[in-house]
C-alpha atoms as a PDB file:
ATOM      1  CA  UNK A   1      23.874  12.156 -32.528  1.00  0.00           C
ATOM      2  CA  UNK A   2      23.368   8.403 -33.024  1.00  0.00           C
ATOM      3  CA  UNK A   3      24.806   7.701 -29.591  1.00  0.00           C
ATOM      4  CA  UNK A   4      22.461  10.248 -28.026  1.00  0.00           C
ATOM      5  CA  UNK A   5      19.487   8.788 -29.887  1.00  0.00           C
ATOM      6  CA  UNK A   6      20.440   5.291 -28.773  1.00  0.00           C
ATOM      7  CA  UNK A   7      20.738   6.465 -25.165  1.00  0.00           C
ATOM      8  CA  UNK A   8      17.325   8.138 -25.307  1.00  0.00           C
ATOM      9  CA  UNK A   9      15.820   4.988 -26.808  1.00  0.00           C
ATOM     10  CA  UNK A  10      17.292   2.828 -24.049  1.00  0.00           C
ATOM     11  CA  UNK A  11      16.039   5.235 -21.379  1.00  0.00           C
ATOM     12  CA  UNK A  12      12.573   5.184 -22.916  1.00  0.00           C
ATOM     13  CA  UNK A  13      12.532   1.389 -23.005  1.00  0.00           C
ATOM     14  CA  UNK A  14      13.657   1.294 -19.376  1.00  0.00           C
ATOM     15  CA  UNK A  15      10.947   3.765 -18.404  1.00  0.00           C
ATOM     16  CA  UNK A  16       8.248   1.752 -20.156  1.00  0.00           C
ATOM     17  CA  UNK A  17       9.454  -1.441 -18.498  1.00  0.00           C
ATOM     18  CA  UNK A  18       9.447   0.262 -15.085  1.00  0.00           C
ATOM     19  CA  UNK A  19       5.900   1.483 -15.708  1.00  0.00           C
ATOM     20  CA  UNK A  20       4.691  -2.092 -16.295  1.00  0.00           C
ATOM     21  CA  UNK A  21       3.156  -2.156 -12.810  1.00  0.00           C
ATOM     22  CA  UNK A  22       2.016   0.324 -10.164  1.00  0.00           C
ATOM     23  CA  UNK A  23       1.571  -0.155  -6.419  1.00  0.00           C
ATOM     24  CA  UNK A  24      -0.679   1.722  -3.987  1.00  0.00           C
ATOM     25  CA  UNK A  25      -1.272   1.343  -0.248  1.00  0.00           C
ATOM     26  CA  UNK A  26      -4.518   1.038   1.699  1.00  0.00           C
ATOM     27  CA  UNK A  27      -4.992   4.813   1.471  1.00  0.00           C
ATOM     28  CA  UNK A  28      -4.699   4.813  -2.294  1.00  0.00           C
ATOM     29  CA  UNK A  29      -1.305   6.554  -2.070  1.00  0.00           C
ATOM     30  CA  UNK A  30       1.359   5.491  -4.566  1.00  0.00           C
ATOM     31  CA  UNK A  31       4.160   3.239  -3.337  1.00  0.00           C
ATOM     32  CA  UNK A  32       7.193   4.129  -5.430  1.00  0.00           C
ATOM     33  CA  UNK A  33      10.864   3.160  -5.377  1.00  0.00           C
ATOM     34  CA  UNK A  34      12.329   4.343  -2.068  1.00  0.00           C
ATOM     35  CA  UNK A  35       9.002   4.716  -0.223  1.00  0.00           C
ATOM     36  CA  UNK A  36       9.321   4.444   3.579  1.00  0.00           C
ATOM     37  CA  UNK A  37       6.374   3.410   5.749  1.00  0.00           C
ATOM     38  CA  UNK A  38       6.762   4.516   9.391  1.00  0.00           C
ATOM     39  CA  UNK A  39       4.844   3.437  12.469  1.00  0.00           C
ATOM     40  CA  UNK A  40       5.362   3.626  16.226  1.00  0.00           C
ATOM     41  CA  UNK A  41       2.837   0.861  16.893  1.00  0.00           C
ATOM     42  CA  UNK A  42       2.814  -2.911  17.094  1.00  0.00           C
ATOM     43  CA  UNK A  43      -0.986  -3.005  16.952  1.00  0.00           C
ATOM     44  CA  UNK A  44      -2.143  -4.719  13.793  1.00  0.00           C
ATOM     45  CA  UNK A  45      -4.637  -2.050  12.711  1.00  0.00           C
ATOM     46  CA  UNK A  46      -2.023   0.710  12.981  1.00  0.00           C
ATOM     47  CA  UNK A  47       1.101  -1.177  11.930  1.00  0.00           C
ATOM     48  CA  UNK A  48      -0.263  -3.045   8.897  1.00  0.00           C
ATOM     49  CA  UNK A  49       1.001  -1.703   5.547  1.00  0.00           C
ATOM     50  CA  UNK A  50      -1.210  -3.029   2.783  1.00  0.00           C
ATOM     51  CA  UNK A  51      -0.314  -2.969  -0.886  1.00  0.00           C
ATOM     52  CA  UNK A  52      -2.175  -3.457  -4.155  1.00  0.00           C
ATOM     53  CA  UNK A  53      -0.280  -4.131  -7.415  1.00  0.00           C
ATOM     54  CA  UNK A  54      -1.838  -3.175 -10.750  1.00  0.00           C
ATOM     55  CA  UNK A  55      -0.550  -4.523 -14.047  1.00  0.00           C
ATOM     56  CA  UNK A  56      -0.520  -1.541 -16.425  1.00  0.00           C
ATOM     57  CA  UNK A  57       0.946  -3.529 -19.305  1.00  0.00           C
ATOM     58  CA  UNK A  58      -0.674  -5.348 -22.201  1.00  0.00           C
ATOM     59  CA  UNK A  59       0.559  -8.784 -21.084  1.00  0.00           C
ATOM     60  CA  UNK A  60       0.435 -10.748 -17.849  1.00  0.00           C
ATOM     61  CA  UNK A  61       3.262 -10.202 -15.362  1.00  0.00           C
ATOM     62  CA  UNK A  62       4.694 -12.380 -12.594  1.00  0.00           C
ATOM     63  CA  UNK A  63       5.646 -10.717  -9.308  1.00  0.00           C
ATOM     64  CA  UNK A  64       7.696 -11.714  -6.289  1.00  0.00           C
ATOM     65  CA  UNK A  65       8.998  -9.880  -3.196  1.00  0.00           C
ATOM     66  CA  UNK A  66      12.447 -10.338  -1.635  1.00  0.00           C
ATOM     67  CA  UNK A  67      13.369  -9.536   1.990  1.00  0.00           C
ATOM     68  CA  UNK A  68      16.616  -7.690   1.247  1.00  0.00           C
ATOM     69  CA  UNK A  69      17.989  -6.426   4.560  1.00  0.00           C
ATOM     70  CA  UNK A  70      17.195  -5.303   8.087  1.00  0.00           C
ATOM     71  CA  UNK A  71      18.584  -2.867  10.667  1.00  0.00           C
ATOM     72  CA  UNK A  72      18.087  -3.642  14.384  1.00  0.00           C
ATOM     73  CA  UNK A  73      16.045  -6.681  13.430  1.00  0.00           C
ATOM     74  CA  UNK A  74      16.395 -10.018  11.673  1.00  0.00           C
ATOM     75  CA  UNK A  75      12.852 -10.787  10.541  1.00  0.00           C
ATOM     76  CA  UNK A  76      11.625 -12.493  13.709  1.00  0.00           C
ATOM     77  CA  UNK A  77       8.043 -11.407  14.293  1.00  0.00           C
ATOM     78  CA  UNK A  78       7.743  -9.866  10.835  1.00  0.00           C
ATOM     79  CA  UNK A  79       4.874 -10.933   8.600  1.00  0.00           C
ATOM     80  CA  UNK A  80       4.666 -10.618   4.822  1.00  0.00           C
ATOM     81  CA  UNK A  81       1.519 -11.702   3.017  1.00  0.00           C
ATOM     82  CA  UNK A  82       1.594 -11.925  -0.762  1.00  0.00           C
ATOM     83  CA  UNK A  83      -0.771 -14.602  -1.969  1.00  0.00           C
ATOM     84  CA  UNK A  84       0.050 -16.476   1.243  1.00  0.00           C
ATOM     85  CA  UNK A  85       1.274 -15.250   4.649  1.00  0.00           C
ATOM     86  CA  UNK A  86       4.789 -15.904   5.932  1.00  0.00           C
ATOM     87  CA  UNK A  87       6.065 -14.942   9.414  1.00  0.00           C
ATOM     88  CA  UNK A  88       9.531 -14.907  11.007  1.00  0.00           C
ATOM     89  CA  UNK A  89      11.218 -13.983   7.758  1.00  0.00           C
ATOM     90  CA  UNK A  90      14.870 -14.619   6.923  1.00  0.00           C
ATOM     91  CA  UNK A  91      16.988 -12.100   5.014  1.00  0.00           C
ATOM     92  CA  UNK A  92      17.193 -13.226   1.390  1.00  0.00           C
ATOM     93  CA  UNK A  93      13.837 -15.005   1.584  1.00  0.00           C
ATOM     94  CA  UNK A  94      11.400 -14.483  -1.280  1.00  0.00           C
ATOM     95  CA  UNK A  95       7.615 -14.458  -1.161  1.00  0.00           C
ATOM     96  CA  UNK A  96       6.327 -16.584  -2.761  1.00  0.00           C
ATOM     97  CA  UNK A  97       9.368 -18.861  -2.373  1.00  0.00           C
ATOM     98  CA  UNK A  98      11.529 -19.141  -5.506  1.00  0.00           C
ATOM     99  CA  UNK A  99      10.643 -20.203  -8.198  1.00  0.00           C
ATOM    100  CA  UNK A 100       7.050 -19.309  -7.320  1.00  0.00           C
ATOM    101  CA  UNK A 101       5.397 -16.015  -8.238  1.00  0.00           C
ATOM    102  CA  UNK A 102       2.059 -14.205  -8.246  1.00  0.00           C
ATOM    103  CA  UNK A 103       0.662 -13.842 -11.771  1.00  0.00           C
ATOM    104  CA  UNK A 104      -1.260 -10.639 -12.510  1.00  0.00           C
ATOM    105  CA  UNK A 105      -3.234 -10.394 -15.742  1.00  0.00           C
ATOM    106  CA  UNK A 106      -3.167  -7.279 -17.905  1.00  0.00           C
ATOM    107  CA  UNK A 107      -5.249  -4.531 -16.314  1.00  0.00           C
ATOM    108  CA  UNK A 108      -5.833  -6.534 -13.130  1.00  0.00           C
ATOM    109  CA  UNK A 109      -5.082  -5.561  -9.504  1.00  0.00           C
ATOM    110  CA  UNK A 110      -4.168  -7.878  -6.639  1.00  0.00           C
ATOM    111  CA  UNK A 111      -6.880  -8.232  -4.003  1.00  0.00           C
ATOM    112  CA  UNK A 112      -7.197  -7.761  -0.260  1.00  0.00           C
ATOM    113  CA  UNK A 113      -4.879  -9.365   2.270  1.00  0.00           C
ATOM    114  CA  UNK A 114      -1.394  -8.540   0.965  1.00  0.00           C
ATOM    115  CA  UNK A 115       0.598  -6.582   3.543  1.00  0.00           C
ATOM    116  CA  UNK A 116       3.704  -6.008   5.645  1.00  0.00           C
ATOM    117  CA  UNK A 117       3.417  -6.126   9.448  1.00  0.00           C
ATOM    118  CA  UNK A 118       5.938  -6.113  12.307  1.00  0.00           C
ATOM    119  CA  UNK A 119       5.106  -7.436  15.797  1.00  0.00           C
ATOM    120  CA  UNK A 120       8.658  -7.401  17.206  1.00  0.00           C
ATOM    121  CA  UNK A 121       9.305  -4.647  19.776  1.00  0.00           C
ATOM    122  CA  UNK A 122      13.085  -5.089  19.637  1.00  0.00           C
ATOM    123  CA  UNK A 123      14.858  -3.315  22.496  1.00  0.00           C
ATOM    124  CA  UNK A 124      11.967  -0.873  22.880  1.00  0.00           C
ATOM    125  CA  UNK A 125      13.935   2.220  21.862  1.00  0.00           C
ATOM    126  CA  UNK A 126      15.777   1.556  18.580  1.00  0.00           C
ATOM    127  CA  UNK A 127      14.163   2.037  15.193  1.00  0.00           C
ATOM    128  CA  UNK A 128      13.969  -1.067  13.008  1.00  0.00           C
ATOM    129  CA  UNK A 129      14.211  -0.891   9.214  1.00  0.00           C
ATOM    130  CA  UNK A 130      13.111  -3.742   6.944  1.00  0.00           C
ATOM    131  CA  UNK A 131      13.914  -3.383   3.244  1.00  0.00           C
ATOM    132  CA  UNK A 132      11.974  -5.276   0.582  1.00  0.00           C
ATOM    133  CA  UNK A 133      12.234  -5.500  -3.185  1.00  0.00           C
ATOM    134  CA  UNK A 134       9.289  -6.004  -5.549  1.00  0.00           C
ATOM    135  CA  UNK A 135      10.381  -7.442  -8.897  1.00  0.00           C
ATOM    136  CA  UNK A 136       9.180  -9.350 -11.953  1.00  0.00           C
ATOM    137  CA  UNK A 137      10.020 -12.910 -12.983  1.00  0.00           C
ATOM    138  CA  UNK A 138       9.601 -14.871 -16.183  1.00  0.00           C
ATOM    139  CA  UNK A 139       7.242 -17.872 -16.441  1.00  0.00           C
ATOM    140  CA  UNK A 140       9.982 -20.091 -14.998  1.00  0.00           C
ATOM    141  CA  UNK A 141      10.326 -17.916 -11.921  1.00  0.00           C
ATOM    142  CA  UNK A 142      13.650 -16.388 -13.001  1.00  0.00           C
ATOM    143  CA  UNK A 143      14.267 -12.777 -11.918  1.00  0.00           C
ATOM    144  CA  UNK A 144      13.951 -10.434 -14.927  1.00  0.00           C
ATOM    145  CA  UNK A 145      14.195  -7.181 -12.977  1.00  0.00           C
ATOM    146  CA  UNK A 146      12.033  -4.042 -12.891  1.00  0.00           C
ATOM    147  CA  UNK A 147      12.690  -3.773  -9.133  1.00  0.00           C
ATOM    148  CA  UNK A 148      11.002  -1.399  -6.714  1.00  0.00           C
ATOM    149  CA  UNK A 149      12.486  -1.166  -3.214  1.00  0.00           C
ATOM    150  CA  UNK A 150      10.578  -0.076  -0.099  1.00  0.00           C
ATOM    151  CA  UNK A 151      11.289   0.203   3.624  1.00  0.00           C
ATOM    152  CA  UNK A 152       9.035  -0.716   6.536  1.00  0.00           C
ATOM    153  CA  UNK A 153      10.185   1.217   9.628  1.00  0.00           C
ATOM    154  CA  UNK A 154       9.082   0.559  13.192  1.00  0.00           C
ATOM    155  CA  UNK A 155      10.235   3.414  15.450  1.00  0.00           C
ATOM    156  CA  UNK A 156       8.868   3.211  19.024  1.00  0.00           C
ATOM    157  CA  UNK A 157      10.058   6.763  19.759  1.00  0.00           C
ATOM    158  CA  UNK A 158       8.366   8.314  16.752  1.00  0.00           C
ATOM    159  CA  UNK A 159       6.188  11.221  17.898  1.00  0.00           C
ATOM    160  CA  UNK A 160       2.654  10.104  18.607  1.00  0.00           C
ATOM    161  CA  UNK A 161       1.372  13.370  17.191  1.00  0.00           C
ATOM    162  CA  UNK A 162       2.250  11.977  13.755  1.00  0.00           C
ATOM    163  CA  UNK A 163      -0.493   9.398  14.225  1.00  0.00           C
ATOM    164  CA  UNK A 164      -3.294  11.428  15.791  1.00  0.00           C
ATOM    165  CA  UNK A 165      -6.612  10.077  14.633  1.00  0.00           C
ATOM    166  CA  UNK A 166      -9.372  12.447  13.644  1.00  0.00           C
ATOM    167  CA  UNK A 167     -12.646  12.469  15.557  1.00  0.00           C
ATOM    168  CA  UNK A 168     -14.736  11.359  12.599  1.00  0.00           C
ATOM    169  CA  UNK A 169     -16.881   8.278  12.210  1.00  0.00           C
ATOM    170  CA  UNK A 170     -18.963   6.483   9.620  1.00  0.00           C
ATOM    171  CA  UNK A 171     -22.221   5.145  11.068  1.00  0.00           C
ATOM    172  CA  UNK A 172     -21.951   1.966   8.993  1.00  0.00           C
ATOM    173  CA  UNK A 173     -19.136   0.794   6.735  1.00  0.00           C
ATOM    174  CA  UNK A 174     -21.617  -1.236   4.677  1.00  0.00           C
ATOM    175  CA  UNK A 175     -23.255   1.218   2.294  1.00  0.00           C
ATOM    176  CA  UNK A 176     -26.300   0.817   0.101  1.00  0.00           C
ATOM    177  CA  UNK A 177     -27.157   4.306  -1.149  1.00  0.00           C
ATOM    178  CA  UNK A 178     -25.921   6.777   1.500  1.00  0.00           C
ATOM    179  CA  UNK A 179     -22.937   7.028   3.824  1.00  0.00           C
ATOM    180  CA  UNK A 180     -23.604   8.793   7.140  1.00  0.00           C
ATOM    181  CA  UNK A 181     -20.562  10.662   8.495  1.00  0.00           C
ATOM    182  CA  UNK A 182     -20.187  12.429  11.845  1.00  0.00           C
ATOM    183  CA  UNK A 183     -17.324  14.873  12.419  1.00  0.00           C
ATOM    184  CA  UNK A 184     -16.467  17.520  15.023  1.00  0.00           C
ATOM    185  CA  UNK A 185     -14.460  19.635  12.573  1.00  0.00           C
ATOM    186  CA  UNK A 186     -14.435  20.583   8.909  1.00  0.00           C
ATOM    187  CA  UNK A 187     -12.646  17.962   6.828  1.00  0.00           C
ATOM    188  CA  UNK A 188     -11.676  17.032   3.300  1.00  0.00           C
ATOM    189  CA  UNK A 189     -12.863  13.583   2.267  1.00  0.00           C
ATOM    190  CA  UNK A 190     -11.556  11.533  -0.649  1.00  0.00           C
ATOM    191  CA  UNK A 191     -12.718   8.106  -1.775  1.00  0.00           C
ATOM    192  CA  UNK A 192     -10.549   5.713  -3.802  1.00  0.00           C
ATOM    193  CA  UNK A 193     -11.272   2.355  -5.352  1.00  0.00           C
ATOM    194  CA  UNK A 194      -8.796  -0.473  -4.774  1.00  0.00           C
ATOM    195  CA  UNK A 195      -6.967   0.424  -7.990  1.00  0.00           C
ATOM    196  CA  UNK A 196      -6.105   3.787  -6.426  1.00  0.00           C
ATOM    197  CA  UNK A 197      -8.483   5.773  -8.644  1.00  0.00           C
ATOM    198  CA  UNK A 198     -10.145   8.819  -7.080  1.00  0.00           C
ATOM    199  CA  UNK A 199     -13.923   8.380  -7.247  1.00  0.00           C
ATOM    200  CA  UNK A 200     -15.140  11.077  -4.833  1.00  0.00           C
ATOM    201  CA  UNK A 201     -13.720  14.322  -3.436  1.00  0.00           C
ATOM    202  CA  UNK A 202     -15.813  16.340  -1.011  1.00  0.00           C
ATOM    203  CA  UNK A 203     -15.584  18.877   1.840  1.00  0.00           C
ATOM    204  CA  UNK A 204     -17.400  17.965   5.056  1.00  0.00           C
ATOM    205  CA  UNK A 205     -18.997  20.376   7.514  1.00  0.00           C
ATOM    206  CA  UNK A 206     -19.204  19.915  11.278  1.00  0.00           C
ATOM    207  CA  UNK A 207     -21.904  17.510  12.406  1.00  0.00           C
ATOM    208  CA  UNK A 208     -23.736  14.672  10.722  1.00  0.00           C
ATOM    209  CA  UNK A 209     -24.184  14.508   6.979  1.00  0.00           C
ATOM    210  CA  UNK A 210     -25.531  11.928   4.560  1.00  0.00           C
ATOM    211  CA  UNK A 211     -23.430  11.457   1.431  1.00  0.00           C
ATOM    212  CA  UNK A 212     -24.971   9.972  -1.683  1.00  0.00           C
ATOM    213  CA  UNK A 213     -22.946   6.935  -2.809  1.00  0.00           C
ATOM    214  CA  UNK A 214     -25.540   5.463  -5.161  1.00  0.00           C
ATOM    215  CA  UNK A 215     -23.436   6.158  -8.266  1.00  0.00           C
ATOM    216  CA  UNK A 216     -20.599   3.870  -7.094  1.00  0.00           C
ATOM    217  CA  UNK A 217     -20.413   0.252  -8.203  1.00  0.00           C
ATOM    218  CA  UNK A 218     -20.643  -2.541  -5.636  1.00  0.00           C
ATOM    219  CA  UNK A 219     -17.135  -3.144  -4.244  1.00  0.00           C
ATOM    220  CA  UNK A 220     -14.708  -2.113  -1.512  1.00  0.00           C
ATOM    221  CA  UNK A 221     -13.478   1.487  -1.308  1.00  0.00           C
ATOM    222  CA  UNK A 222     -10.926   3.423   0.744  1.00  0.00           C
ATOM    223  CA  UNK A 223     -12.216   6.586   2.457  1.00  0.00           C
ATOM    224  CA  UNK A 224      -9.618   9.086   3.716  1.00  0.00           C
ATOM    225  CA  UNK A 225     -10.360  12.145   5.864  1.00  0.00           C
ATOM    226  CA  UNK A 226      -7.912  15.046   6.325  1.00  0.00           C
ATOM    227  CA  UNK A 227      -8.009  18.267   8.355  1.00  0.00           C
ATOM    228  CA  UNK A 228      -6.108  21.514   7.772  1.00  0.00           C
ATOM    229  CA  UNK A 229      -3.387  20.484  10.261  1.00  0.00           C
ATOM    230  CA  UNK A 230      -2.542  17.445   8.169  1.00  0.00           C
ATOM    231  CA  UNK A 231      -3.994  14.787  10.484  1.00  0.00           C
ATOM    232  CA  UNK A 232      -5.812  11.992   8.677  1.00  0.00           C
ATOM    233  CA  UNK A 233      -7.938   8.934   9.213  1.00  0.00           C
ATOM    234  CA  UNK A 234      -8.553   6.115   6.758  1.00  0.00           C
ATOM    235  CA  UNK A 235     -11.420   3.634   6.698  1.00  0.00           C
ATOM    236  CA  UNK A 236     -12.710   0.933   4.359  1.00  0.00           C
ATOM    237  CA  UNK A 237     -16.313   0.792   3.191  1.00  0.00           C
ATOM    238  CA  UNK A 238     -18.259  -1.773   1.225  1.00  0.00           C
ATOM    239  CA  UNK A 239     -20.801  -0.502  -1.275  1.00  0.00           C
ATOM    240  CA  UNK A 240     -23.471  -3.169  -1.864  1.00  0.00           C
END
């Protein structure tokens, strides 16, 4: 019984430690251990994978990212921005460089600009996998664990139907009180803040509609549209 209790205690401690931080992408979707981002594009707007790290703990944390491995690529043409941008990565490289780190205060979320992006076409037919590891460090920049591994995959032969954009537009992405949306089909719309919190969920009819946004605080938001076939489109708006 004592052994079982000890095991449960250790598992609980490990779970709490793992829950110290959370990561979401530009759509507000959670990035968890093992997440794979896939794109068939080298265009920045389509191939950029943004991330936002939130410190859920009661104390400040220090974060770093390691370029762990690659398949059909070596890091040439790959860009990783975390506090500062680095291009033409080398396997084993850390961002920021060891012993540096990005400090995140309790309850805070990293801002805009942090992302993964590949501009290397390779041989034009083979998929490229780039594996990265998020992890914590101590104040001296020494790795203390809590890793979360993700994969950025560029696959030029990936079906283009997986990336069909919806025919929906926002008249202006700078919003004061109302957001004007035009769509040719019925859609579901969700709005997230940069911490990944859902702040609006609404069904849209065909045509133009004005959506009241006056209850939202002044900041950037992520707006995501989805249709019944599963196609989606994501845009950023600024509420003034």
